[in-house]
């Protein structure tokens, strides 16, 4: 996770493991949906290789909105991971699609390493466009209040006065999240009425 200054914050050591440089491990750790094939197969694995696989799963989840390998039946889930078969939605661009396939590669020897990831087209594109990560800081950045967006909220059966109160108090909840997403959508479409905007 990142803080407001984009400093990396470690979240959970609950399922971590220790190792010496060059040492291979056989201990299974981590959530099954994020586990690399070699770990599931019970093989001795390179720690960094399995972490890169897990980062590929996270990349997929961030861009697609769901995990590449899912199944309520653990055995079926493992089979999916071991086969390395997953579908990428059509809205994912070619550069991201290519990188996902190279990271979520069942062969740890040919799986992309960190230097290759940093040289990939998608990584370079994201690095060149810092605006991709811009949004609002909860509790700090106020959301613009716009009457056009309030009218759109009626389609979602959201109470007008409750939405306004939440925005005025700079709350972060499902109502303000929907409002903010609609605001961004209307901005992209160029349909916001400037005269209706208030700070």
C-alpha atoms as a PDB file:
ATOM      1  CA  UNK A   1       0.000   0.000   0.000  1.00  0.00           C
ATOM      2  CA  UNK A   2       1.044   3.607  -0.537  1.00  0.00           C
ATOM      3  CA  UNK A   3       0.542   6.619   1.720  1.00  0.00           C
ATOM      4  CA  UNK A   4      -0.324  10.116   0.444  1.00  0.00           C
ATOM      5  CA  UNK A   5       3.367  10.735  -0.373  1.00  0.00           C
ATOM      6  CA  UNK A   6       3.570   7.425  -2.277  1.00  0.00           C
ATOM      7  CA  UNK A   7       5.807   5.813   0.337  1.00  0.00           C
ATOM      8  CA  UNK A   8       5.457   2.017   0.411  1.00  0.00           C
ATOM      9  CA  UNK A   9       3.786   0.686   3.559  1.00  0.00           C
ATOM     10  CA  UNK A  10       4.051  -3.004   4.449  1.00  0.00           C
ATOM     11  CA  UNK A  11       0.617  -4.228   5.474  1.00  0.00           C
ATOM     12  CA  UNK A  12       0.816  -7.835   6.627  1.00  0.00           C
ATOM     13  CA  UNK A  13       3.631 -10.086   7.813  1.00  0.00           C
ATOM     14  CA  UNK A  14       1.174 -12.766   8.959  1.00  0.00           C
ATOM     15  CA  UNK A  15       1.993 -15.198   6.141  1.00  0.00           C
ATOM     16  CA  UNK A  16       5.566 -14.230   5.362  1.00  0.00           C
ATOM     17  CA  UNK A  17       8.734 -16.322   5.467  1.00  0.00           C
ATOM     18  CA  UNK A  18      12.434 -15.696   5.999  1.00  0.00           C
ATOM     19  CA  UNK A  19      15.204 -16.878   3.694  1.00  0.00           C
ATOM     20  CA  UNK A  20      18.875 -16.391   2.892  1.00  0.00           C
ATOM     21  CA  UNK A  21      20.046 -15.072  -0.509  1.00  0.00           C
ATOM     22  CA  UNK A  22      20.046 -17.881  -3.070  1.00  0.00           C
ATOM     23  CA  UNK A  23      18.105 -20.211  -0.777  1.00  0.00           C
ATOM     24  CA  UNK A  24      15.022 -21.997  -2.144  1.00  0.00           C
ATOM     25  CA  UNK A  25      11.998 -22.636   0.026  1.00  0.00           C
ATOM     26  CA  UNK A  26       9.298 -25.298   0.056  1.00  0.00           C
ATOM     27  CA  UNK A  27       6.989 -23.825   2.691  1.00  0.00           C
ATOM     28  CA  UNK A  28       3.544 -22.932   1.354  1.00  0.00           C
ATOM     29  CA  UNK A  29       2.502 -19.490   2.560  1.00  0.00           C
ATOM     30  CA  UNK A  30       0.125 -16.786   1.441  1.00  0.00           C
ATOM     31  CA  UNK A  31      -3.452 -16.770   0.172  1.00  0.00           C
ATOM     32  CA  UNK A  32      -4.240 -19.547  -2.348  1.00  0.00           C
ATOM     33  CA  UNK A  33      -5.541 -17.147  -5.049  1.00  0.00           C
ATOM     34  CA  UNK A  34      -2.164 -15.370  -5.055  1.00  0.00           C
ATOM     35  CA  UNK A  35       0.054 -18.459  -4.807  1.00  0.00           C
ATOM     36  CA  UNK A  36       2.454 -19.286  -7.642  1.00  0.00           C
ATOM     37  CA  UNK A  37       2.143 -22.644  -9.446  1.00  0.00           C
ATOM     38  CA  UNK A  38       5.491 -23.933  -8.237  1.00  0.00           C
ATOM     39  CA  UNK A  39       4.473 -23.317  -4.630  1.00  0.00           C
ATOM     40  CA  UNK A  40       1.152 -25.122  -5.119  1.00  0.00           C
ATOM     41  CA  UNK A  41       2.959 -28.032  -6.790  1.00  0.00           C
ATOM     42  CA  UNK A  42       5.086 -28.441  -3.645  1.00  0.00           C
ATOM     43  CA  UNK A  43       8.352 -27.692  -5.449  1.00  0.00           C
ATOM     44  CA  UNK A  44      11.319 -25.828  -4.027  1.00  0.00           C
ATOM     45  CA  UNK A  45      10.839 -22.279  -5.205  1.00  0.00           C
ATOM     46  CA  UNK A  46      12.732 -18.999  -5.587  1.00  0.00           C
ATOM     47  CA  UNK A  47      11.209 -16.469  -3.205  1.00  0.00           C
ATOM     48  CA  UNK A  48      11.374 -13.485  -5.551  1.00  0.00           C
ATOM     49  CA  UNK A  49       9.782 -15.462  -8.401  1.00  0.00           C
ATOM     50  CA  UNK A  50       6.698 -16.339  -6.356  1.00  0.00           C
ATOM     51  CA  UNK A  51       6.422 -12.744  -5.109  1.00  0.00           C
ATOM     52  CA  UNK A  52       6.488 -11.504  -8.709  1.00  0.00           C
ATOM     53  CA  UNK A  53       3.660 -13.934  -9.540  1.00  0.00           C
ATOM     54  CA  UNK A  54       1.650 -12.538  -6.611  1.00  0.00           C
ATOM     55  CA  UNK A  55       2.289  -8.991  -7.863  1.00  0.00           C
ATOM     56  CA  UNK A  56       0.957 -10.106 -11.249  1.00  0.00           C
ATOM     57  CA  UNK A  57      -2.247 -11.264  -9.559  1.00  0.00           C
ATOM     58  CA  UNK A  58      -2.490  -7.874  -7.819  1.00  0.00           C
ATOM     59  CA  UNK A  59      -1.903  -6.052 -11.118  1.00  0.00           C
ATOM     60  CA  UNK A  60      -4.671  -8.097 -12.736  1.00  0.00           C
ATOM     61  CA  UNK A  61      -7.062  -7.388  -9.839  1.00  0.00           C
ATOM     62  CA  UNK A  62      -6.345  -3.640  -9.909  1.00  0.00           C
ATOM     63  CA  UNK A  63      -6.897  -3.330 -13.664  1.00  0.00           C
ATOM     64  CA  UNK A  64      -9.700  -5.858 -14.159  1.00  0.00           C
ATOM     65  CA  UNK A  65     -11.595  -5.600 -10.860  1.00  0.00           C
ATOM     66  CA  UNK A  66     -11.422  -9.300  -9.978  1.00  0.00           C
ATOM     67  CA  UNK A  67      -8.833 -12.067  -9.571  1.00  0.00           C
ATOM     68  CA  UNK A  68      -7.458 -14.100 -12.504  1.00  0.00           C
ATOM     69  CA  UNK A  69      -7.840 -17.413 -10.661  1.00  0.00           C
ATOM     70  CA  UNK A  70     -10.927 -17.990  -8.528  1.00  0.00           C
ATOM     71  CA  UNK A  71     -12.972 -20.982  -7.461  1.00  0.00           C
ATOM     72  CA  UNK A  72     -14.797 -21.901  -4.264  1.00  0.00           C
ATOM     73  CA  UNK A  73     -13.400 -25.424  -4.601  1.00  0.00           C
ATOM     74  CA  UNK A  74      -9.724 -25.273  -3.578  1.00  0.00           C
ATOM     75  CA  UNK A  75      -8.720 -28.246  -5.758  1.00  0.00           C
ATOM     76  CA  UNK A  76     -10.284 -26.633  -8.829  1.00  0.00           C
ATOM     77  CA  UNK A  77      -8.584 -23.338  -7.949  1.00  0.00           C
ATOM     78  CA  UNK A  78      -5.195 -25.075  -7.784  1.00  0.00           C
ATOM     79  CA  UNK A  79      -5.795 -26.724 -11.169  1.00  0.00           C
ATOM     80  CA  UNK A  80      -6.547 -23.329 -12.704  1.00  0.00           C
ATOM     81  CA  UNK A  81      -3.366 -21.836 -11.261  1.00  0.00           C
ATOM     82  CA  UNK A  82      -1.222 -24.813 -12.313  1.00  0.00           C
ATOM     83  CA  UNK A  83      -2.563 -24.580 -15.876  1.00  0.00           C
ATOM     84  CA  UNK A  84      -1.975 -20.821 -15.963  1.00  0.00           C
ATOM     85  CA  UNK A  85      -5.150 -20.342 -17.991  1.00  0.00           C
ATOM     86  CA  UNK A  86      -6.887 -17.023 -17.403  1.00  0.00           C
ATOM     87  CA  UNK A  87      -8.897 -14.573 -19.487  1.00  0.00           C
ATOM     88  CA  UNK A  88      -8.080 -10.892 -19.853  1.00  0.00           C
ATOM     89  CA  UNK A  89     -11.021  -8.518 -20.482  1.00  0.00           C
ATOM     90  CA  UNK A  90     -11.150  -6.764 -23.840  1.00  0.00           C
ATOM     91  CA  UNK A  91     -10.888  -3.305 -22.253  1.00  0.00           C
ATOM     92  CA  UNK A  92      -7.317  -4.005 -21.076  1.00  0.00           C
ATOM     93  CA  UNK A  93      -4.796  -2.418 -23.460  1.00  0.00           C
ATOM     94  CA  UNK A  94      -2.189  -4.442 -25.348  1.00  0.00           C
ATOM     95  CA  UNK A  95       0.750  -3.293 -23.201  1.00  0.00           C
ATOM     96  CA  UNK A  96      -0.892  -4.302 -19.908  1.00  0.00           C
ATOM     97  CA  UNK A  97      -2.144  -7.546 -21.461  1.00  0.00           C
ATOM     98  CA  UNK A  98       1.372  -8.472 -22.570  1.00  0.00           C
ATOM     99  CA  UNK A  99       2.898  -7.752 -19.155  1.00  0.00           C
ATOM    100  CA  UNK A 100       0.240  -9.763 -17.308  1.00  0.00           C
ATOM    101  CA  UNK A 101       0.924 -12.791 -19.501  1.00  0.00           C
ATOM    102  CA  UNK A 102       4.665 -12.511 -18.922  1.00  0.00           C
ATOM    103  CA  UNK A 103       4.307 -12.181 -15.144  1.00  0.00           C
ATOM    104  CA  UNK A 104       1.573 -14.821 -14.771  1.00  0.00           C
ATOM    105  CA  UNK A 105       3.758 -17.331 -16.574  1.00  0.00           C
ATOM    106  CA  UNK A 106       3.709 -20.811 -14.985  1.00  0.00           C
ATOM    107  CA  UNK A 107       7.383 -21.334 -15.827  1.00  0.00           C
ATOM    108  CA  UNK A 108       9.374 -19.531 -13.106  1.00  0.00           C
ATOM    109  CA  UNK A 109      12.525 -19.594 -15.240  1.00  0.00           C
ATOM    110  CA  UNK A 110      10.999 -17.576 -18.084  1.00  0.00           C
ATOM    111  CA  UNK A 111       8.653 -15.494 -15.897  1.00  0.00           C
ATOM    112  CA  UNK A 112       9.500 -11.791 -16.093  1.00  0.00           C
ATOM    113  CA  UNK A 113      11.948 -10.563 -13.470  1.00  0.00           C
ATOM    114  CA  UNK A 114      11.989  -7.047 -11.983  1.00  0.00           C
ATOM    115  CA  UNK A 115      14.396  -5.535 -14.574  1.00  0.00           C
ATOM    116  CA  UNK A 116      12.218  -6.873 -17.408  1.00  0.00           C
ATOM    117  CA  UNK A 117       9.067  -5.516 -15.755  1.00  0.00           C
ATOM    118  CA  UNK A 118      10.678  -2.084 -15.437  1.00  0.00           C
ATOM    119  CA  UNK A 119      11.580  -2.167 -19.135  1.00  0.00           C
ATOM    120  CA  UNK A 120       8.095  -3.239 -20.266  1.00  0.00           C
ATOM    121  CA  UNK A 121       5.996  -0.831 -22.347  1.00  0.00           C
ATOM    122  CA  UNK A 122       3.132  -0.733 -19.838  1.00  0.00           C
ATOM    123  CA  UNK A 123       5.399   0.037 -16.885  1.00  0.00           C
ATOM    124  CA  UNK A 124       7.098   2.830 -18.851  1.00  0.00           C
ATOM    125  CA  UNK A 125       3.738   4.263 -19.959  1.00  0.00           C
ATOM    126  CA  UNK A 126       2.447   4.360 -16.389  1.00  0.00           C
ATOM    127  CA  UNK A 127       5.668   5.975 -15.175  1.00  0.00           C
ATOM    128  CA  UNK A 128       5.289   8.697 -17.815  1.00  0.00           C
ATOM    129  CA  UNK A 129       1.674   9.461 -16.834  1.00  0.00           C
ATOM    130  CA  UNK A 130       1.547  10.354 -13.128  1.00  0.00           C
ATOM    131  CA  UNK A 131      -1.997  11.695 -13.588  1.00  0.00           C
ATOM    132  CA  UNK A 132      -3.248   8.089 -13.751  1.00  0.00           C
ATOM    133  CA  UNK A 133      -2.951   7.851  -9.971  1.00  0.00           C
ATOM    134  CA  UNK A 134      -4.565  11.207  -9.186  1.00  0.00           C
ATOM    135  CA  UNK A 135      -7.763  11.175  -7.198  1.00  0.00           C
ATOM    136  CA  UNK A 136      -8.933  12.583  -3.886  1.00  0.00           C
ATOM    137  CA  UNK A 137      -7.381  12.183  -0.475  1.00  0.00           C
ATOM    138  CA  UNK A 138     -10.167  11.150   1.888  1.00  0.00           C
ATOM    139  CA  UNK A 139     -10.876  13.756   4.561  1.00  0.00           C
ATOM    140  CA  UNK A 140      -8.474  16.243   2.987  1.00  0.00           C
ATOM    141  CA  UNK A 141      -9.507  17.097  -0.569  1.00  0.00           C
ATOM    142  CA  UNK A 142     -13.100  18.372  -0.795  1.00  0.00           C
ATOM    143  CA  UNK A 143     -15.239  17.051  -3.650  1.00  0.00           C
ATOM    144  CA  UNK A 144     -16.761  19.652  -5.973  1.00  0.00           C
ATOM    145  CA  UNK A 145     -20.522  19.933  -5.415  1.00  0.00           C
ATOM    146  CA  UNK A 146     -22.377  19.950  -8.718  1.00  0.00           C
ATOM    147  CA  UNK A 147     -26.148  20.044  -9.223  1.00  0.00           C
ATOM    148  CA  UNK A 148     -25.879  18.022 -12.461  1.00  0.00           C
ATOM    149  CA  UNK A 149     -24.356  15.116 -10.539  1.00  0.00           C
ATOM    150  CA  UNK A 150     -27.104  15.325  -7.914  1.00  0.00           C
ATOM    151  CA  UNK A 151     -29.678  14.866 -10.667  1.00  0.00           C
ATOM    152  CA  UNK A 152     -27.787  11.771 -11.861  1.00  0.00           C
ATOM    153  CA  UNK A 153     -27.898  10.343  -8.331  1.00  0.00           C
ATOM    154  CA  UNK A 154     -31.679  10.019  -8.627  1.00  0.00           C
ATOM    155  CA  UNK A 155     -31.088   7.100 -11.014  1.00  0.00           C
ATOM    156  CA  UNK A 156     -29.456   5.245  -8.114  1.00  0.00           C
ATOM    157  CA  UNK A 157     -32.259   5.937  -5.586  1.00  0.00           C
ATOM    158  CA  UNK A 158     -29.898   7.994  -3.438  1.00  0.00           C
ATOM    159  CA  UNK A 159     -31.425  10.592  -1.143  1.00  0.00           C
ATOM    160  CA  UNK A 160     -30.502  14.090  -2.359  1.00  0.00           C
ATOM    161  CA  UNK A 161     -30.182  15.731   1.082  1.00  0.00           C
ATOM    162  CA  UNK A 162     -28.201  12.818   2.534  1.00  0.00           C
ATOM    163  CA  UNK A 163     -25.742  12.969  -0.361  1.00  0.00           C
ATOM    164  CA  UNK A 164     -25.324  16.744   0.038  1.00  0.00           C
ATOM    165  CA  UNK A 165     -24.741  16.434   3.801  1.00  0.00           C
ATOM    166  CA  UNK A 166     -22.131  13.704   3.299  1.00  0.00           C
ATOM    167  CA  UNK A 167     -20.295  15.833   0.735  1.00  0.00           C
ATOM    168  CA  UNK A 168     -20.428  18.981   2.889  1.00  0.00           C
ATOM    169  CA  UNK A 169     -18.917  16.987   5.786  1.00  0.00           C
ATOM    170  CA  UNK A 170     -16.282  15.468   3.457  1.00  0.00           C
ATOM    171  CA  UNK A 171     -17.340  11.952   4.399  1.00  0.00           C
ATOM    172  CA  UNK A 172     -16.127   8.853   2.565  1.00  0.00           C
ATOM    173  CA  UNK A 173     -18.821   6.221   2.094  1.00  0.00           C
ATOM    174  CA  UNK A 174     -20.714   4.449  -0.730  1.00  0.00           C
ATOM    175  CA  UNK A 175     -22.828   7.543  -1.432  1.00  0.00           C
ATOM    176  CA  UNK A 176     -19.872   9.915  -1.837  1.00  0.00           C
ATOM    177  CA  UNK A 177     -17.982   7.256  -3.817  1.00  0.00           C
ATOM    178  CA  UNK A 178     -20.853   6.980  -6.319  1.00  0.00           C
ATOM    179  CA  UNK A 179     -21.091  10.783  -6.481  1.00  0.00           C
ATOM    180  CA  UNK A 180     -17.347  11.116  -7.139  1.00  0.00           C
ATOM    181  CA  UNK A 181     -17.374   8.434  -9.867  1.00  0.00           C
ATOM    182  CA  UNK A 182     -20.343  10.127 -11.567  1.00  0.00           C
ATOM    183  CA  UNK A 183     -18.551  13.482 -11.316  1.00  0.00           C
ATOM    184  CA  UNK A 184     -15.488  12.042 -13.055  1.00  0.00           C
ATOM    185  CA  UNK A 185     -17.673  10.388 -15.718  1.00  0.00           C
ATOM    186  CA  UNK A 186     -19.484  13.642 -16.517  1.00  0.00           C
ATOM    187  CA  UNK A 187     -16.173  15.523 -16.614  1.00  0.00           C
ATOM    188  CA  UNK A 188     -14.844  13.079 -19.213  1.00  0.00           C
ATOM    189  CA  UNK A 189     -18.020  13.409 -21.242  1.00  0.00           C
ATOM    190  CA  UNK A 190     -17.914  17.222 -20.976  1.00  0.00           C
ATOM    191  CA  UNK A 191     -21.543  17.394 -19.781  1.00  0.00           C
ATOM    192  CA  UNK A 192     -21.018  19.266 -16.497  1.00  0.00           C
ATOM    193  CA  UNK A 193     -22.833  22.601 -16.280  1.00  0.00           C
ATOM    194  CA  UNK A 194     -20.220  25.016 -14.951  1.00  0.00           C
ATOM    195  CA  UNK A 195     -22.936  27.393 -13.731  1.00  0.00           C
ATOM    196  CA  UNK A 196     -24.268  24.727 -11.403  1.00  0.00           C
ATOM    197  CA  UNK A 197     -20.949  24.091  -9.650  1.00  0.00           C
ATOM    198  CA  UNK A 198     -20.227  25.173  -6.088  1.00  0.00           C
ATOM    199  CA  UNK A 199     -17.154  24.568  -3.962  1.00  0.00           C
END
